[in-house]
Structure formats: C-alpha cells, structure tokens
Amino acid sequence: MASRWGRREFLRSAIATSMVSAVTGDVAESAQPKLVGSRAAVKDALRTQVLVVGAGASGVPAALAAARGGAKVVLLEDDNTPGGAPVDMYVAMVCGGPIVGIYAEMLELLNRNFHLTAKPTGGAWFLPSAYAEVISRMIRAEPNVQLRCSAPVSEVLISEGSRNRLHGVTVRGADGRQLTIEADVVIDATGSGAVAAMAGCECRYGSEAKSEFDEPTGPAKANDKIQLCTLMLVSQRLRPDGKIDPGKVTGQSCPAEGLNAALHWAGTVSCADTRDPLAVAAAQQEAMQKIEKDIAYLYEHGYTAHIAPKLGVRECRRVVGDHVLTVNDLIASKRADDTVALGNYPLDSWGDRYGAMEKTTLTYTPGGYGIPLRAMITKGMQNLMTVGKCMSATHLAMSAIRVQCIVAQMGQAAGTAAALAATKGTSLRSLKVRDVQAMLRAGGVPL
C-alpha cells in the first residue's frame, strides 16, 4: 500500500534538506530549478514576399491585394479563424464610406448569400457567422495566400546592428516548436500595433493636445484618454410570444427590419490600458457585469442574447509613420498627392465631447478625404507598414478612419504597395505612387 506523504512530512523533509545544504555548502539536486523554457526550441523556417500579421478588417484586404499583385503572401492570425472585429467582437454593422474595392466585394457576397431581410439597406448588419464564412471563402480563393491561424507572434527579427529593417517574425507552434517567417515587406494589421511595438517603433497612445498639430478641436493638454470599449450582443426571439422594447436594452440598437433580432451596443466601459491584455480582460468582465440586467430582461421576454466573445476595442497604440494623419487632413480642401484610400466618416470619438461636437461643425472634402501612403509607412523602418486602427494618426483623426470600410481600403493600399515593392525588389519609399494608385483603381478603388 502506497504511503501518503502529507504537508507536515513535506515540511520536515524540506527543513532537513536545507540544513544539510547549509553545513556542506551543497545545493540539493531537487532544489535546482529546471528552466525547460530556456532550452533552444526546434525552429522551422518559411520565406515569403509579403507577411501580413492580423487577419481582420484591414489585414484580409492587405493579403488579398498583395496576392492579386503577384506576391506570395503569408497571413498570420492569433485567433482560430480569420475575420477580426466583425467575427469575434460582433462589430457587424456597415457604416461609413466609401464602399469600394475588396470591401465592396465582401459586401456583395454578404448581401447575395447572408442578408437578414428581403431588401438589404445601407444601414444593414450581418451575423458574425456570415462574415466568418465570406472572409474564409475569399481567402481560400487566392492561391498566393497562405493563412496560418492560432499563430501569435512571439518575436520579431531585426537586422544585426540596426533597427531599421524587419526581416520577419517568429511564431510558436506545437510542443514548443518555433516557426520563423521571413519576408521582404511586413504589414502590421494587428489593430494594436503589436509587431511595430516589438520592433521598437515610435508609438502614440491617448489624446494629443490641440496645439501639438494645430487641430481645430481637442483637449488643451495631452492625456492618456482613449475611446471607450463596447461589448456587443445580438438579441434573437426564441418564443413565439416573445416581445421586447429595444429601448429597455442598454445602449443603442439596430433591429433587422422584418426580423425579431437586433444588434446592440450593450456594455460600454473604459479600459485602463488597451495595450495590456489583462486590462482588456478586466474591462470585458466589467462590461459583462454591466449587461446582466439586459440578458435577464431578454430571457424574461422570450429572447436570447448572443454575446460577442471579445470586447470591442476602438483604439490602442498608434504607430508613427512618415506622416501623422490629423483632423486638418480630413477637412483640407485638397487631398494629398499620395492619397491611396478615401473616407467620408466624421469624427466619432466615444468617450469625449470633441468627436461628437465636430460631427456637425467640420466640413469634409466632397467625395471623401484622402489617406496618404506616407501615413502607412512606418517611421524609421525600411519595409514595415502599419494599417487599420494602429495606423499613424492623431487620436481624433483615428476616430474617423477606424470604421471597416476605411481600414479595408488602407489594407488594400498597403497590400498593393507591398506587392509592388516585393516583386520589383525595391523599397517602399522608392515606389512611384502613381503605380500604386493605378493598381488600386484597377482593383475598384476610384481615387
């Protein structure tokens, strides 16, 4: 019969061992730490022309555009499935514009196969599962794109003795194996700027003082305030007699016309620091607690609540590029010569009065403001581009360009530029902007 070694026996043995060690000067073998993680991991290597990190609203168009431009592409995603915000944050509503290029292709597939009503409207929204299916289908249709999910980046590869070239990244696989992926051009489409931050690039966080860029609005002093986060949910009727008043569910809602379902901006909270995963997780728990009464109300009245797996984060770090996009760029009477994407969504900064106030007082360029290629090329780096919510912009300018139809154009523009640079063997800054613009026009972006 096996003996039971209790806590008292364990302590007695440990004390005795430490006394022997003190007398002899030896350290007991059992006390030596075994640093398994310090052993050299088995490494595999992969080479590609364009590496896109983040398979979300900007990363997927970036990968598709680069592939269509003739480049071999690896698309990395740390989740199990591609899609990003519309899939795991339930940011499922179509808003802003213009709807062009690859994003327009995606909406055409959504409307054709997955619209919720007989007559889709401009204010339509789609179920997250529909986004997941369409996005996966579009990626599979491009033979030049190699998708790798569940592949978070653990390290970045920088030139020896220099920090200005990013050769690639390392991702961790099964049983501690590491995969090193080298690329001619890297696009950070993580939404958090994680890759650029690992590479030591200059980043911004919080709100700039109005005077720093002479913007027409903003706080008098810089601060760490960023936009609020929201936990989205979809309500759906379960019982035939179910009936709810959408106004009694926290936050704004958008019903699917003719159906007993709605999209809700339910739990809106602040986050101490969206760069910190632990802080984001804490904010999500706060939002979950906040919507408990909404869930109870829905169930009581014959409805269910499909809650987003992830908290909707509107803003994180912003990686500084060759140009920092400001509110002045959005209201300028003339677009920059290197414009590669357009936007016509106003300032919409959740959590402060500046964005809301300026929705009606600022005049935007007819047809949309321009987003220059310079803002996507990371300052001080030869071959790194940053797109989406972490692109080079001020806090308030980002509040206007963060919606999916605009970040998708950023991704398409960056993917197009990356393919040109990789296939021609030139640097991003040596590209002729008119060549990038011509390819974008051919791809359905009417600049």
Protein backbone atom coordinates (compact mmCIF):
# COMPACT_ATOMS: atom_id res chain seq x y z
CA MET A 1 0.00 0.00 0.00
CA ALA A 2 1.44 3.37 -1.08
CA SER A 3 2.26 5.73 1.77
CA ARG A 4 0.61 9.18 1.95
CA TRP A 5 3.15 12.00 2.23
CA GLY A 6 1.32 14.83 3.96
CA ARG A 7 2.13 18.52 4.30
CA ARG A 8 3.83 18.02 7.71
CA GLU A 9 6.17 15.33 6.37
CA PHE A 10 6.97 17.51 3.36
CA LEU A 11 7.94 20.50 5.52
CA ARG A 12 10.06 18.31 7.85
CA SER A 13 11.95 16.91 4.86
CA ALA A 14 12.46 20.34 3.30
CA ILE A 15 13.90 21.76 6.56
CA ALA A 16 16.27 18.84 6.95
CA THR A 17 17.47 19.18 3.37
CA SER A 18 18.15 22.90 3.77
CA MET A 19 20.14 22.27 6.97
CA VAL A 20 22.35 19.70 5.24
CA SER A 21 22.95 22.12 2.38
CA ALA A 22 23.93 24.88 4.82
CA VAL A 23 26.54 22.63 6.50
CA THR A 24 28.06 21.11 3.36
CA GLY A 25 27.73 24.12 1.11
CA ASP A 26 25.98 21.94 -1.46
CA VAL A 27 22.60 22.62 -3.01
CA ALA A 28 20.26 19.70 -3.10
CA GLU A 29 19.63 18.45 -6.62
CA SER A 30 15.86 18.68 -6.10
CA ALA A 31 16.20 22.42 -5.38
CA GLN A 32 17.82 23.17 -8.74
CA PRO A 33 15.25 24.85 -11.00
CA LYS A 34 14.62 23.21 -14.33
CA LEU A 35 14.17 26.01 -16.83
CA VAL A 36 12.56 23.98 -19.57
CA GLY A 37 11.56 27.10 -21.49
CA SER A 38 15.20 28.18 -21.76
CA ARG A 39 16.18 25.25 -23.92
CA ALA A 40 16.67 26.10 -27.57
CA ALA A 41 13.36 25.41 -29.27
CA VAL A 42 13.24 23.46 -32.51
CA LYS A 43 12.91 26.00 -35.30
CA ASP A 44 11.31 25.76 -38.70
CA ALA A 45 11.76 28.42 -41.38
CA LEU A 46 9.49 29.88 -44.02
CA ARG A 47 10.19 32.52 -46.63
CA THR A 48 7.62 34.74 -48.33
CA GLN A 49 7.46 38.05 -50.16
CA VAL A 50 4.76 39.76 -48.09
CA LEU A 51 3.87 38.97 -44.49
CA VAL A 52 0.59 40.32 -43.10
CA VAL A 53 0.09 40.00 -39.34
CA GLY A 54 -3.59 40.15 -38.36
CA ALA A 55 -6.42 38.65 -40.43
CA GLY A 56 -9.02 41.27 -39.58
CA ALA A 57 -10.79 44.13 -41.33
CA SER A 58 -7.56 45.64 -42.69
CA GLY A 59 -5.32 42.56 -42.77
CA VAL A 60 -7.51 40.40 -45.01
CA PRO A 61 -7.76 43.08 -47.77
CA ALA A 62 -4.00 43.65 -47.42
CA ALA A 63 -3.27 39.97 -48.01
CA LEU A 64 -5.75 39.66 -50.89
CA ALA A 65 -4.43 42.79 -52.60
CA ALA A 66 -0.80 41.68 -52.26
CA ALA A 67 -1.66 38.27 -53.70
CA ARG A 68 -3.54 39.80 -56.60
CA GLY A 69 -0.50 41.99 -57.18
CA GLY A 70 1.55 38.87 -57.85
CA ALA A 71 3.25 38.42 -54.48
CA LYS A 72 3.49 35.31 -52.33
CA VAL A 73 1.74 36.12 -49.05
CA VAL A 74 1.64 34.65 -45.56
CA LEU A 75 -1.30 35.86 -43.46
CA LEU A 76 -0.98 35.32 -39.71
CA GLU A 77 -3.83 35.37 -37.19
CA ASP A 78 -3.65 34.64 -33.47
CA ASP A 79 -7.30 33.51 -33.32
CA ASN A 80 -8.52 30.16 -34.62
CA THR A 81 -10.31 31.79 -37.52
CA PRO A 82 -9.81 34.91 -39.65
CA GLY A 83 -12.20 37.84 -39.54
CA GLY A 84 -11.29 40.07 -36.63
CA ALA A 85 -13.78 42.62 -35.31
CA PRO A 86 -16.92 41.59 -37.30
CA VAL A 87 -16.41 37.95 -36.29
CA ASP A 88 -15.23 37.97 -32.67
CA MET A 89 -16.26 41.46 -31.50
CA TYR A 90 -19.64 41.45 -33.35
CA VAL A 91 -18.83 44.81 -34.98
CA ALA A 92 -21.27 43.74 -37.65
CA MET A 93 -22.87 46.96 -38.92
CA VAL A 94 -21.97 48.56 -42.23
CA CYS A 95 -21.25 52.25 -41.65
CA GLY A 96 -19.24 55.00 -43.24
CA GLY A 97 -17.87 55.02 -46.73
CA PRO A 98 -17.00 54.88 -49.48
CA ILE A 99 -17.74 51.19 -50.00
CA VAL A 100 -15.26 50.26 -52.70
CA GLY A 101 -12.64 47.71 -53.67
CA ILE A 102 -12.22 44.47 -51.77
CA TYR A 103 -14.62 45.60 -49.04
CA ALA A 104 -17.32 46.10 -51.69
CA GLU A 105 -16.64 42.55 -52.95
CA MET A 106 -17.15 41.22 -49.43
CA LEU A 107 -20.44 43.11 -49.00
CA GLU A 108 -21.66 41.85 -52.36
CA LEU A 109 -21.14 38.27 -51.16
CA LEU A 110 -22.79 39.03 -47.82
CA ASN A 111 -25.82 40.62 -49.46
CA ARG A 112 -26.12 37.82 -52.00
CA ASN A 113 -25.94 34.96 -49.51
CA PHE A 114 -26.49 36.16 -45.96
CA HIS A 115 -28.65 39.29 -45.79
CA LEU A 116 -31.14 39.22 -42.93
CA THR A 117 -34.04 40.87 -44.77
CA ALA A 118 -35.57 40.67 -48.20
CA LYS A 119 -34.31 44.17 -49.03
CA PRO A 120 -30.85 44.92 -47.66
CA THR A 121 -30.36 48.58 -46.83
CA GLY A 122 -27.34 50.87 -46.41
CA GLY A 123 -27.67 50.51 -42.63
CA ALA A 124 -27.52 46.74 -42.83
CA TRP A 125 -25.72 44.44 -40.47
CA PHE A 126 -24.82 40.79 -40.88
CA LEU A 127 -24.43 37.92 -38.46
CA PRO A 128 -20.82 37.30 -37.35
CA SER A 129 -21.02 33.76 -38.74
CA ALA A 130 -21.80 35.23 -42.16
CA TYR A 131 -18.69 37.41 -42.03
CA ALA A 132 -16.62 34.39 -40.98
CA GLU A 133 -17.86 32.30 -43.91
CA VAL A 134 -17.41 35.00 -46.56
CA ILE A 135 -13.96 36.09 -45.34
CA SER A 136 -12.73 32.48 -45.25
CA ARG A 137 -14.10 31.92 -48.73
CA MET A 138 -12.34 34.99 -50.11
CA ILE A 139 -9.01 33.91 -48.62
CA ARG A 140 -9.33 30.37 -49.98
CA ALA A 141 -9.93 31.80 -53.46
CA GLU A 142 -6.42 33.29 -53.54
CA PRO A 143 -3.79 30.58 -54.15
CA ASN A 144 -0.96 33.02 -53.35
CA VAL A 145 -2.20 33.47 -49.75
CA GLN A 146 -1.09 31.04 -47.08
CA LEU A 147 -3.27 31.51 -43.98
CA ARG A 148 -1.88 30.45 -40.59
CA CYS A 149 -4.27 30.77 -37.66
CA SER A 150 -3.56 30.25 -33.95
CA ALA A 151 -0.15 31.77 -34.66
CA PRO A 152 0.58 34.67 -32.29
CA VAL A 153 3.85 36.49 -32.91
CA SER A 154 6.39 35.89 -30.13
CA GLU A 155 9.45 37.68 -31.54
CA VAL A 156 10.48 39.98 -34.37
CA LEU A 157 13.63 39.66 -36.46
CA ILE A 158 15.62 42.89 -36.77
CA SER A 159 18.83 43.44 -38.77
CA GLU A 160 22.05 42.85 -36.82
CA GLY A 161 23.30 46.19 -35.54
CA SER A 162 20.39 48.11 -36.99
CA ARG A 163 16.74 48.56 -36.08
CA ASN A 164 15.56 49.80 -39.44
CA ARG A 165 14.75 46.56 -41.24
CA LEU A 166 12.24 43.98 -40.04
CA HIS A 167 13.20 40.68 -41.60
CA GLY A 168 10.24 38.79 -40.24
CA VAL A 169 8.70 37.28 -37.14
CA THR A 170 8.69 34.12 -35.06
CA VAL A 171 5.52 32.32 -34.06
CA ARG A 172 5.19 29.47 -31.59
CA GLY A 173 3.71 26.16 -32.67
CA ALA A 174 3.02 22.79 -31.09
CA ASP A 175 5.35 21.32 -28.45
CA GLY A 176 7.42 24.48 -28.22
CA ARG A 177 8.47 24.46 -31.87
CA GLN A 178 9.08 27.87 -33.37
CA LEU A 179 8.39 28.96 -36.93
CA THR A 180 10.46 31.80 -38.31
CA ILE A 181 8.78 33.64 -41.19
CA GLU A 182 10.98 35.98 -43.21
CA ALA A 183 9.54 38.47 -45.69
CA ASP A 184 10.53 41.32 -47.99
CA VAL A 185 7.70 43.51 -46.68
CA VAL A 186 5.79 43.21 -43.40
CA ILE A 187 2.34 44.72 -42.76
CA ASP A 188 1.19 45.18 -39.15
CA ALA A 189 -2.59 44.84 -39.25
CA THR A 190 -2.97 43.68 -35.66
CA GLY A 191 -5.15 46.60 -34.59
CA SER A 192 -2.84 47.07 -31.60
CA GLY A 193 0.42 47.77 -33.40
CA ALA A 194 1.94 44.83 -31.55
CA VAL A 195 4.51 43.93 -34.20
CA ALA A 196 5.70 47.52 -34.60
CA ALA A 197 5.92 47.88 -30.81
CA MET A 198 8.05 44.72 -30.58
CA ALA A 199 10.32 46.20 -33.26
CA GLY A 200 10.85 49.30 -31.10
CA CYS A 201 8.96 51.68 -33.38
CA GLU A 202 7.72 55.03 -32.09
CA CYS A 203 4.11 54.80 -30.93
CA ARG A 204 1.45 57.18 -29.64
CA TYR A 205 -1.23 56.48 -27.07
CA GLY A 206 -4.02 58.69 -25.74
CA SER A 207 -5.13 62.15 -26.81
CA GLU A 208 -2.80 64.81 -28.19
CA ALA A 209 -3.09 68.39 -27.06
CA LYS A 210 -4.98 70.51 -29.58
CA SER A 211 -1.89 72.68 -30.07
CA GLU A 212 0.52 69.86 -31.00
CA PHE A 213 -0.75 69.59 -34.57
CA ASP A 214 -2.84 72.78 -34.52
CA GLU A 215 -6.02 70.74 -34.88
CA PRO A 216 -9.31 72.67 -34.79
CA THR A 217 -10.51 70.83 -31.69
CA GLY A 218 -9.15 68.71 -28.86
CA PRO A 219 -8.04 68.95 -25.23
CA ALA A 220 -5.78 71.74 -24.00
CA LYS A 221 -3.33 69.21 -22.56
CA ALA A 222 -2.31 65.77 -23.76
CA ASN A 223 -3.65 62.86 -21.73
CA ASP A 224 -3.94 59.07 -21.77
CA LYS A 225 -7.65 59.02 -22.58
CA ILE A 226 -8.70 56.77 -25.44
CA GLN A 227 -12.08 55.79 -26.81
CA LEU A 228 -14.43 53.66 -24.75
CA CYS A 229 -14.81 49.93 -25.41
CA THR A 230 -18.13 48.18 -26.07
CA LEU A 231 -19.33 44.62 -25.58
CA MET A 232 -21.73 43.90 -28.45
CA LEU A 233 -24.61 41.45 -28.44
CA VAL A 234 -27.26 40.19 -30.83
CA SER A 235 -30.76 39.63 -29.45
CA GLN A 236 -32.98 37.00 -31.06
CA ARG A 237 -36.54 35.90 -30.33
CA LEU A 238 -36.89 32.34 -29.05
CA ARG A 239 -40.56 32.06 -28.01
CA PRO A 240 -43.39 32.77 -30.47
CA ASP A 241 -44.96 35.09 -27.90
CA GLY A 242 -41.67 36.88 -27.19
CA LYS A 243 -41.74 40.67 -27.31
CA ILE A 244 -39.25 43.28 -26.13
CA ASP A 245 -38.83 47.01 -26.11
CA PRO A 246 -35.35 47.60 -27.66
CA GLY A 247 -35.19 50.86 -25.74
CA LYS A 248 -35.00 48.89 -22.48
CA VAL A 249 -31.72 47.25 -23.51
CA THR A 250 -28.65 49.31 -22.60
CA GLY A 251 -27.09 51.32 -25.41
CA GLN A 252 -28.17 51.91 -28.97
CA SER A 253 -29.60 49.10 -31.07
CA CYS A 254 -30.21 48.36 -34.71
CA PRO A 255 -33.05 45.94 -35.47
CA ALA A 256 -33.01 43.75 -38.56
CA GLU A 257 -36.02 45.05 -40.45
CA GLY A 258 -38.78 42.45 -40.59
CA LEU A 259 -37.00 40.06 -38.23
CA ASN A 260 -37.12 39.61 -34.48
CA ALA A 261 -33.42 40.23 -33.97
CA ALA A 262 -31.27 43.28 -33.27
CA LEU A 263 -27.66 44.31 -32.89
CA HIS A 264 -26.94 46.07 -29.59
CA TRP A 265 -24.08 48.29 -28.40
CA ALA A 266 -24.76 47.00 -24.88
CA GLY A 267 -21.89 47.19 -22.40
CA THR A 268 -19.76 50.30 -22.90
CA VAL A 269 -16.84 50.71 -20.48
CA SER A 270 -13.46 52.38 -20.17
CA CYS A 271 -10.26 50.34 -20.16
CA ALA A 272 -7.24 51.25 -18.08
CA ASP A 273 -4.85 50.42 -20.94
CA THR A 274 -5.85 48.64 -24.15
CA ARG A 275 -2.19 47.75 -24.74
CA ASP A 276 -2.40 45.42 -21.72
CA PRO A 277 -4.32 42.14 -22.34
CA LEU A 278 -5.04 41.83 -18.61
CA ALA A 279 -6.61 45.30 -18.55
CA VAL A 280 -8.74 44.45 -21.60
CA ALA A 281 -9.89 41.23 -19.92
CA ALA A 282 -10.81 43.16 -16.77
CA ALA A 283 -12.78 45.68 -18.84
CA GLN A 284 -14.63 42.83 -20.53
CA GLN A 285 -15.64 41.38 -17.18
CA GLU A 286 -16.89 44.80 -16.14
CA ALA A 287 -18.95 45.01 -19.33
CA MET A 288 -20.35 41.51 -18.73
CA GLN A 289 -21.49 42.55 -15.27
CA LYS A 290 -22.99 45.70 -16.73
CA ILE A 291 -25.22 43.82 -19.20
CA GLU A 292 -26.53 41.22 -16.74
CA LYS A 293 -29.82 43.06 -16.40
CA ASP A 294 -30.15 43.25 -20.19
CA ILE A 295 -29.66 39.50 -20.55
CA ALA A 296 -32.22 38.84 -17.79
CA TYR A 297 -34.71 41.18 -19.49
CA LEU A 298 -34.26 39.45 -22.86
CA TYR A 299 -34.73 35.95 -21.45
CA GLU A 300 -37.72 37.00 -19.38
CA HIS A 301 -39.44 38.26 -22.51
CA GLY A 302 -38.73 35.30 -24.75
CA TYR A 303 -35.41 36.38 -26.32
CA THR A 304 -31.85 35.17 -26.10
CA ALA A 305 -28.61 37.15 -26.14
CA HIS A 306 -25.65 36.14 -28.33
CA ILE A 307 -22.74 37.93 -26.63
CA ALA A 308 -19.56 38.77 -28.53
CA PRO A 309 -16.60 36.58 -27.46
CA LYS A 310 -14.34 39.64 -27.31
CA LEU A 311 -14.74 43.19 -26.09
CA GLY A 312 -14.88 45.72 -28.92
CA VAL A 313 -11.72 47.85 -28.64
CA ARG A 314 -11.89 51.06 -30.67
CA GLU A 315 -8.40 52.34 -30.03
CA CYS A 316 -4.97 51.16 -28.94
CA ARG A 317 -1.45 52.38 -29.71
CA ARG A 318 -0.95 54.31 -32.95
CA VAL A 319 2.33 53.65 -34.74
CA VAL A 320 4.06 56.78 -36.03
CA GLY A 321 4.62 56.81 -39.78
CA ASP A 322 6.30 59.16 -42.22
CA HIS A 323 3.16 61.30 -41.82
CA VAL A 324 0.78 61.61 -38.87
CA LEU A 325 -2.78 61.98 -40.15
CA THR A 326 -4.61 64.82 -38.38
CA VAL A 327 -8.07 66.38 -38.38
CA ASN A 328 -6.61 69.05 -40.66
CA ASP A 329 -6.01 66.36 -43.31
CA LEU A 330 -9.65 65.33 -43.06
CA ILE A 331 -11.01 68.83 -43.65
CA ALA A 332 -8.40 70.01 -46.18
CA SER A 333 -9.83 71.32 -49.44
CA LYS A 334 -7.32 69.26 -51.44
CA ARG A 335 -6.21 65.67 -50.99
CA ALA A 336 -2.53 64.77 -50.71
CA ASP A 337 -0.77 63.69 -53.92
CA ASP A 338 -0.04 60.26 -52.43
CA THR A 339 -3.65 59.53 -51.44
CA VAL A 340 -4.29 55.79 -51.64
CA ALA A 341 -7.54 55.49 -49.64
CA LEU A 342 -10.65 57.60 -49.08
CA GLY A 343 -13.00 58.17 -46.16
CA ASN A 344 -16.19 60.08 -45.53
CA TYR A 345 -16.94 59.13 -41.94
CA PRO A 346 -16.90 62.01 -39.41
CA LEU A 347 -15.08 62.28 -36.08
CA ASP A 348 -16.69 59.77 -33.74
CA SER A 349 -14.63 59.54 -30.57
CA TRP A 350 -16.56 57.57 -27.96
CA GLY A 351 -15.99 58.96 -24.51
CA ASP A 352 -15.12 62.59 -25.19
CA ARG A 353 -17.07 65.61 -26.36
CA TYR A 354 -14.73 66.66 -29.17
CA GLY A 355 -15.66 63.99 -31.71
CA ALA A 356 -19.38 64.31 -31.07
CA MET A 357 -19.26 68.11 -31.24
CA GLU A 358 -17.37 68.20 -34.51
CA LYS A 359 -19.71 65.83 -36.36
CA THR A 360 -21.77 68.84 -37.39
CA THR A 361 -19.26 71.71 -37.36
CA LEU A 362 -16.44 70.40 -39.55
CA THR A 363 -16.63 70.49 -43.34
CA TYR A 364 -15.14 67.49 -45.10
CA THR A 365 -13.82 67.25 -48.65
CA PRO A 366 -16.64 66.38 -51.11
CA GLY A 367 -16.29 62.75 -52.15
CA GLY A 368 -14.22 61.90 -49.11
CA TYR A 369 -10.93 62.90 -47.53
CA GLY A 370 -7.66 61.30 -48.57
CA ILE A 371 -5.41 58.99 -46.58
CA PRO A 372 -1.79 59.20 -47.80
CA LEU A 373 0.59 56.31 -48.33
CA ARG A 374 3.14 58.12 -46.12
CA ALA A 375 0.92 57.50 -43.07
CA MET A 376 1.12 53.73 -43.67
CA ILE A 377 4.92 53.54 -43.98
CA THR A 378 6.39 53.21 -40.50
CA LYS A 379 8.83 55.92 -39.49
CA GLY A 380 12.44 54.73 -39.30
CA MET A 381 11.72 51.33 -40.88
CA GLN A 382 12.57 50.28 -44.43
CA ASN A 383 9.96 47.62 -45.02
CA LEU A 384 7.25 47.86 -42.34
CA MET A 385 3.75 49.21 -42.97
CA THR A 386 1.00 49.73 -40.42
CA VAL A 387 -2.71 49.81 -41.26
CA GLY A 388 -6.07 49.81 -39.52
CA LYS A 389 -6.70 51.12 -36.02
CA CYS A 390 -2.97 51.34 -35.30
CA MET A 391 -2.04 53.46 -38.33
CA SER A 392 -0.22 56.77 -37.92
CA ALA A 393 -2.86 59.30 -36.86
CA THR A 394 -3.88 61.54 -34.00
CA HIS A 395 -6.45 60.34 -31.51
CA LEU A 396 -9.25 62.38 -33.09
CA ALA A 397 -8.34 61.62 -36.70
CA MET A 398 -8.32 57.92 -35.82
CA SER A 399 -11.87 58.21 -34.51
CA ALA A 400 -12.97 58.98 -38.08
CA ILE A 401 -10.91 56.46 -40.04
CA ARG A 402 -11.32 53.42 -37.75
CA VAL A 403 -14.50 52.02 -39.41
CA GLN A 404 -14.23 48.89 -41.52
CA CYS A 405 -14.88 50.33 -44.97
CA ILE A 406 -11.96 52.74 -44.48
CA VAL A 407 -9.48 50.42 -42.77
CA ALA A 408 -10.19 47.88 -45.53
CA GLN A 409 -9.05 50.47 -48.07
CA MET A 410 -5.91 51.08 -46.01
CA GLY A 411 -5.22 47.36 -46.10
CA GLN A 412 -5.82 47.12 -49.83
CA ALA A 413 -3.50 50.08 -50.43
CA ALA A 414 -0.74 48.67 -48.22
CA GLY A 415 -1.04 45.21 -49.78
CA THR A 416 -0.81 46.73 -53.25
CA ALA A 417 2.27 48.78 -52.34
CA ALA A 418 3.89 45.79 -50.63
CA ALA A 419 3.37 43.58 -53.69
CA LEU A 420 4.91 46.22 -55.96
CA ALA A 421 7.93 46.64 -53.70
CA ALA A 422 8.44 42.89 -53.21
CA THR A 423 8.05 41.88 -56.86
CA LYS A 424 10.17 44.75 -58.17
CA GLY A 425 12.83 44.37 -55.49
CA THR A 426 12.60 48.00 -54.43
CA SER A 427 11.93 49.84 -51.18
CA LEU A 428 8.54 51.20 -50.16
CA ARG A 429 9.75 54.79 -50.30
CA SER A 430 11.14 54.31 -53.83
CA LEU A 431 7.77 53.30 -55.25
CA LYS A 432 6.09 55.57 -57.74
CA VAL A 433 2.81 56.50 -56.08
CA ARG A 434 1.05 56.71 -59.43
CA ASP A 435 1.79 53.00 -59.97
CA VAL A 436 0.18 52.14 -56.63
CA GLN A 437 -2.80 54.37 -57.44
CA ALA A 438 -3.22 52.82 -60.89
CA MET A 439 -3.35 49.31 -59.39
CA LEU A 440 -5.87 50.47 -56.78
CA ARG A 441 -8.13 51.97 -59.44
CA ALA A 442 -7.95 48.70 -61.34
CA GLY A 443 -8.92 46.97 -58.09
CA GLY A 444 -12.10 49.02 -57.70
CA VAL A 445 -10.87 51.95 -55.57
CA PRO A 446 -11.81 55.14 -57.50
CA LEU A 447 -9.20 57.60 -56.26
